[in-house]
Amino acid sequence: MIRGCVFVLVFLHAFSVICSEPPEHFKSVFQQQFPEKSTFFRNKPKFLVLFSGVPGMGKSTLAHVLEDEMEGVRISCDDARELLRKSIQINGNDDEIRLEEYLKYAFQRLEKKYPNHFIILDRSIDGIEESTLSLANDFGYKTFVIRIELSLEEVVRRLELREKDPRIHRKRLIRLERWFGEYSKTPIECFDYYIDMTPEISEVPIQQLKLAVQKALLSTVFNDSFPTQVIPAAINKVAKIHDLSDVLIDCD
């Protein structure tokens, strides 16, 4: 009996060591996620762009624009999560815990390997703003948080276009209540810029956003402060949680 218990304890310890050992495991994921680009060698200061917004609002669209047109290094958390899932079998809370561990590893590797420290974190800070800002602070990054505004109806429409399977779409709609709940609770003092993504992307004031990011980036170089940028049309467009019941009824 005792020998069996000792074996189980040894096995569990070995298993925990394997599962908690990040360097070699994360190295493979990092190499797949960041094939070397010339833009990685641009000399840019520590500046981290973050987003507040639920799925369907256009975070990745804006992240790609800033990556392509301002030569930033984009970290896609969706891509990282998928690569991690393929490399080891993890789900649920373990999935998110491992993602947070990997992000720390990715920040360390990017900082040591490349001079371009203009990072675009392609994920929402809603519900995890404290840990995300703490990560930025730990690595000495100045942050620029973009608050994305879009009506609930438009979010639902975009999610429906994105997913053709009605069962998966239904599950996403059910999650909307949690997503919008986290979105509505993110403190307003976190935001540096508001952008209304209601128009089509060609009509969205991307140029204004790029100028605001460039101004904030320059202020990092000169160790200056930058004022919060606000697009008036974006204010007071946060979707109300109680509207979700009507959406779910319509989808039945």
Protein backbone atom coordinates (compact mmCIF):
# COMPACT_ATOMS: atom_id res chain seq x y z
CA MET A 1 0.00 0.00 0.00
CA ILE A 2 2.74 2.41 1.04
CA ARG A 3 4.85 1.43 -1.97
CA GLY A 4 1.86 2.09 -4.24
CA CYS A 5 1.30 5.52 -2.69
CA VAL A 6 4.98 6.37 -3.13
CA PHE A 7 4.79 5.37 -6.80
CA VAL A 8 1.75 7.56 -7.35
CA LEU A 9 3.44 10.53 -5.67
CA VAL A 10 6.59 10.07 -7.76
CA PHE A 11 4.50 9.79 -10.92
CA LEU A 12 2.51 12.93 -10.10
CA HIS A 13 5.69 14.85 -9.33
CA ALA A 14 7.27 13.77 -12.62
CA PHE A 15 4.08 14.65 -14.49
CA SER A 16 3.93 18.11 -12.89
CA VAL A 17 7.58 18.75 -13.78
CA ILE A 18 6.91 17.81 -17.41
CA CYS A 19 3.77 19.95 -17.61
CA SER A 20 5.36 22.94 -15.86
CA GLU A 21 8.58 22.87 -17.86
CA PRO A 22 8.19 25.75 -20.31
CA PRO A 23 11.48 26.55 -22.13
CA GLU A 24 11.86 23.69 -24.64
CA HIS A 25 8.15 23.25 -25.10
CA PHE A 26 7.54 26.97 -25.64
CA LYS A 27 10.57 27.28 -27.93
CA SER A 28 8.84 25.23 -30.60
CA VAL A 29 5.61 27.23 -30.34
CA PHE A 30 7.58 30.50 -30.47
CA GLN A 31 9.45 29.45 -33.61
CA GLN A 32 6.20 28.53 -35.35
CA GLN A 33 4.46 31.73 -34.32
CA PHE A 34 7.31 34.09 -35.15
CA PRO A 35 9.02 33.19 -38.42
CA GLU A 36 11.72 35.82 -38.73
CA LYS A 37 10.75 39.05 -40.51
CA SER A 38 12.80 42.06 -41.48
CA THR A 39 10.52 44.28 -39.40
CA PHE A 40 11.66 42.45 -36.25
CA PHE A 41 15.03 44.16 -36.65
CA ARG A 42 13.63 47.71 -36.64
CA ASN A 43 14.90 49.59 -33.61
CA LYS A 44 11.77 50.59 -31.68
CA PRO A 45 11.17 51.37 -27.99
CA LYS A 46 9.17 49.31 -25.52
CA PHE A 47 5.60 50.12 -26.45
CA LEU A 48 2.66 47.74 -26.06
CA VAL A 49 -0.67 48.18 -27.87
CA LEU A 50 -3.63 46.53 -26.12
CA PHE A 51 -7.32 46.21 -26.98
CA SER A 52 -10.64 46.29 -25.14
CA GLY A 53 -13.45 44.68 -27.09
CA VAL A 54 -15.47 41.48 -27.48
CA PRO A 55 -14.99 38.95 -30.32
CA GLY A 56 -16.38 40.35 -33.58
CA MET A 57 -15.52 43.99 -32.86
CA GLY A 58 -12.41 44.04 -35.04
CA LYS A 59 -9.42 43.64 -32.70
CA SER A 60 -7.48 41.45 -35.11
CA THR A 61 -8.29 43.74 -38.04
CA LEU A 62 -6.77 46.72 -36.20
CA ALA A 63 -3.86 44.62 -34.96
CA HIS A 64 -3.01 43.56 -38.53
CA VAL A 65 -3.19 47.18 -39.72
CA LEU A 66 -0.77 48.36 -37.03
CA GLU A 67 1.51 45.39 -37.70
CA ASP A 68 1.63 45.96 -41.46
CA GLU A 69 1.62 49.74 -41.64
CA MET A 70 3.58 50.64 -38.50
CA GLU A 71 5.98 47.68 -38.49
CA GLY A 72 5.00 46.34 -35.10
CA VAL A 73 5.37 42.78 -33.81
CA ARG A 74 1.94 41.23 -33.44
CA ILE A 75 1.33 38.50 -30.87
CA SER A 76 -1.83 36.60 -31.74
CA CYS A 77 -3.16 34.89 -28.62
CA ASP A 78 -5.59 32.84 -30.74
CA ASP A 79 -2.66 31.44 -32.76
CA ALA A 80 -0.61 30.83 -29.62
CA ARG A 81 -3.49 29.07 -27.90
CA GLU A 82 -4.04 26.79 -30.92
CA LEU A 83 -0.34 25.93 -31.18
CA LEU A 84 -0.23 25.13 -27.47
CA ARG A 85 -3.27 22.89 -27.78
CA LYS A 86 -1.61 20.95 -30.58
CA SER A 87 1.65 20.52 -28.70
CA ILE A 88 0.12 19.24 -25.44
CA GLN A 89 -3.37 18.15 -24.50
CA ILE A 90 -4.71 20.95 -22.31
CA ASN A 91 -8.18 22.38 -21.93
CA GLY A 92 -10.22 24.83 -19.88
CA ASN A 93 -8.40 26.73 -17.16
CA ASP A 94 -5.12 24.91 -17.83
CA ASP A 95 -5.32 26.22 -21.38
CA GLU A 96 -5.41 29.84 -20.22
CA ILE A 97 -2.79 29.31 -17.50
CA ARG A 98 -0.37 27.85 -20.05
CA LEU A 99 -1.10 30.74 -22.43
CA GLU A 100 -0.16 33.27 -19.74
CA GLU A 101 3.08 31.37 -19.08
CA TYR A 102 3.84 31.32 -22.80
CA LEU A 103 3.25 35.08 -23.14
CA LYS A 104 5.89 35.74 -20.50
CA TYR A 105 8.25 33.46 -22.39
CA ALA A 106 7.45 35.17 -25.72
CA PHE A 107 8.07 38.63 -24.25
CA GLN A 108 11.44 37.46 -22.90
CA ARG A 109 12.49 35.91 -26.21
CA LEU A 110 11.36 38.88 -28.30
CA GLU A 111 13.19 41.29 -26.01
CA LYS A 112 16.44 39.33 -26.14
CA LYS A 113 16.34 38.37 -29.81
CA TYR A 114 15.07 41.47 -31.62
CA PRO A 115 15.47 45.26 -31.31
CA ASN A 116 11.85 45.92 -32.32
CA HIS A 117 10.00 46.31 -29.02
CA PHE A 118 6.81 47.74 -30.51
CA ILE A 119 4.42 44.92 -29.57
CA ILE A 120 0.77 44.55 -30.56
CA LEU A 121 -1.03 42.07 -28.31
CA ASP A 122 -3.91 40.69 -30.36
CA ARG A 123 -6.36 39.86 -27.57
CA SER A 124 -8.83 41.65 -25.31
CA ILE A 125 -7.76 42.86 -21.88
CA ASP A 126 -11.38 42.73 -20.64
CA GLY A 127 -11.56 40.65 -17.48
CA ILE A 128 -7.77 40.31 -17.32
CA GLU A 129 -6.72 43.96 -17.39
CA GLU A 130 -4.80 43.77 -14.11
CA SER A 131 -2.69 40.77 -15.11
CA THR A 132 -2.09 42.19 -18.61
CA LEU A 133 -0.98 45.59 -17.32
CA SER A 134 1.15 43.82 -14.71
CA LEU A 135 2.85 41.85 -17.51
CA ALA A 136 3.58 45.09 -19.35
CA ASN A 137 4.95 46.67 -16.19
CA ASP A 138 7.15 43.66 -15.41
CA PHE A 139 8.87 44.00 -18.80
CA GLY A 140 8.99 47.80 -18.72
CA TYR A 141 6.51 48.49 -21.53
CA LYS A 142 4.54 51.68 -21.94
CA THR A 143 0.95 50.72 -22.82
CA PHE A 144 -1.59 52.15 -25.24
CA VAL A 145 -5.07 50.70 -24.79
CA ILE A 146 -7.56 50.98 -27.66
CA ARG A 147 -11.22 50.75 -26.68
CA ILE A 148 -13.29 49.40 -29.58
CA GLU A 149 -16.98 50.32 -29.77
CA LEU A 150 -19.60 48.43 -31.77
CA SER A 151 -23.30 47.76 -31.34
CA LEU A 152 -24.48 44.38 -30.09
CA GLU A 153 -26.48 43.82 -33.28
CA GLU A 154 -23.40 44.35 -35.45
CA VAL A 155 -21.32 42.03 -33.27
CA VAL A 156 -23.94 39.29 -33.66
CA ARG A 157 -24.08 39.83 -37.43
CA ARG A 158 -20.30 39.55 -37.76
CA LEU A 159 -20.11 36.45 -35.59
CA GLU A 160 -22.83 34.85 -37.72
CA LEU A 161 -20.88 35.58 -40.91
CA ARG A 162 -17.73 34.20 -39.31
CA GLU A 163 -19.28 30.88 -38.23
CA LYS A 164 -21.59 28.90 -40.52
CA ASP A 165 -22.30 26.10 -38.05
CA PRO A 166 -25.49 27.22 -36.20
CA ARG A 167 -24.64 25.17 -33.11
CA ILE A 168 -21.24 26.82 -32.68
CA HIS A 169 -22.79 30.22 -33.42
CA ARG A 170 -25.41 29.59 -30.75
CA LYS A 171 -22.68 28.77 -28.20
CA ARG A 172 -20.90 32.01 -29.04
CA LEU A 173 -24.08 34.00 -28.57
CA ILE A 174 -24.51 32.43 -25.13
CA ARG A 175 -20.94 33.52 -24.28
CA LEU A 176 -21.73 37.08 -25.34
CA GLU A 177 -23.25 37.83 -21.95
CA ARG A 178 -19.97 37.01 -20.22
CA TRP A 179 -17.91 38.83 -22.86
CA PHE A 180 -19.97 42.01 -22.67
CA GLY A 181 -20.05 41.76 -18.88
CA GLU A 182 -16.24 41.78 -18.75
CA TYR A 183 -16.15 44.48 -21.43
CA SER A 184 -18.46 46.80 -19.51
CA LYS A 185 -16.46 46.42 -16.28
CA THR A 186 -13.06 47.39 -17.69
CA PRO A 187 -12.20 50.71 -15.96
CA ILE A 188 -12.42 53.74 -18.22
CA GLU A 189 -9.09 55.01 -16.91
CA CYS A 190 -7.41 52.11 -18.72
CA PHE A 191 -8.26 53.52 -22.15
CA ASP A 192 -6.02 55.77 -24.25
CA TYR A 193 -8.06 55.77 -27.47
CA TYR A 194 -11.65 55.10 -28.53
CA ILE A 195 -12.53 53.92 -32.02
CA ASP A 196 -15.96 53.23 -33.49
CA MET A 197 -15.84 50.17 -35.75
CA THR A 198 -19.45 50.45 -36.92
CA PRO A 199 -18.56 51.57 -40.47
CA GLU A 200 -16.92 49.21 -42.92
CA ILE A 201 -13.18 48.96 -42.43
CA SER A 202 -12.46 51.20 -45.43
CA GLU A 203 -14.40 53.98 -43.71
CA VAL A 204 -13.02 53.51 -40.22
CA PRO A 205 -10.69 56.39 -39.21
CA ILE A 206 -7.61 54.19 -39.30
CA GLN A 207 -5.40 57.14 -40.20
CA GLN A 208 -6.40 58.93 -36.99
CA LEU A 209 -5.62 55.83 -34.98
CA LYS A 210 -2.21 55.44 -36.62
CA LEU A 211 -1.38 59.08 -35.88
CA ALA A 212 -2.42 58.64 -32.25
CA VAL A 213 -0.28 55.50 -31.90
CA GLN A 214 2.65 57.25 -33.60
CA LYS A 215 2.32 60.20 -31.23
CA ALA A 216 2.25 57.89 -28.20
CA LEU A 217 5.21 55.94 -29.60
CA LEU A 218 7.22 59.15 -29.95
CA SER A 219 6.31 60.17 -26.43
CA THR A 220 7.88 56.90 -25.28
CA VAL A 221 11.13 57.83 -27.02
CA PHE A 222 11.16 61.25 -25.36
CA ASN A 223 9.73 59.94 -22.06
CA ASP A 224 6.78 62.30 -22.35
CA SER A 225 3.10 61.82 -21.55
CA PHE A 226 0.28 61.63 -24.08
CA PRO A 227 -3.36 62.66 -23.67
CA THR A 228 -6.25 60.26 -24.05
CA GLN A 229 -7.59 60.36 -27.61
CA VAL A 230 -11.36 60.18 -27.91
CA ILE A 231 -13.54 59.84 -30.98
CA PRO A 232 -16.84 61.46 -29.90
CA ALA A 233 -18.97 59.14 -32.01
CA ALA A 234 -17.63 56.18 -30.08
CA ILE A 235 -18.78 57.35 -26.67
CA ASN A 236 -21.88 55.82 -25.08
CA LYS A 237 -22.13 53.00 -27.63
CA VAL A 238 -21.46 50.17 -25.19
CA ALA A 239 -24.04 47.43 -25.70
CA LYS A 240 -26.29 46.75 -22.71
CA ILE A 241 -26.28 43.28 -21.22
CA HIS A 242 -30.06 43.03 -21.06
CA ASP A 243 -30.26 43.29 -24.86
CA LEU A 244 -28.71 39.82 -25.12
CA SER A 245 -31.94 38.06 -24.19
CA ASP A 246 -33.63 39.47 -27.30
CA VAL A 247 -30.73 38.27 -29.46
CA LEU A 248 -30.87 34.73 -28.06
CA ILE A 249 -34.66 34.58 -28.52
CA ASP A 250 -34.26 35.63 -32.16
CA CYS A 251 -31.81 32.77 -32.72
CA ASP A 252 -34.10 30.05 -31.39
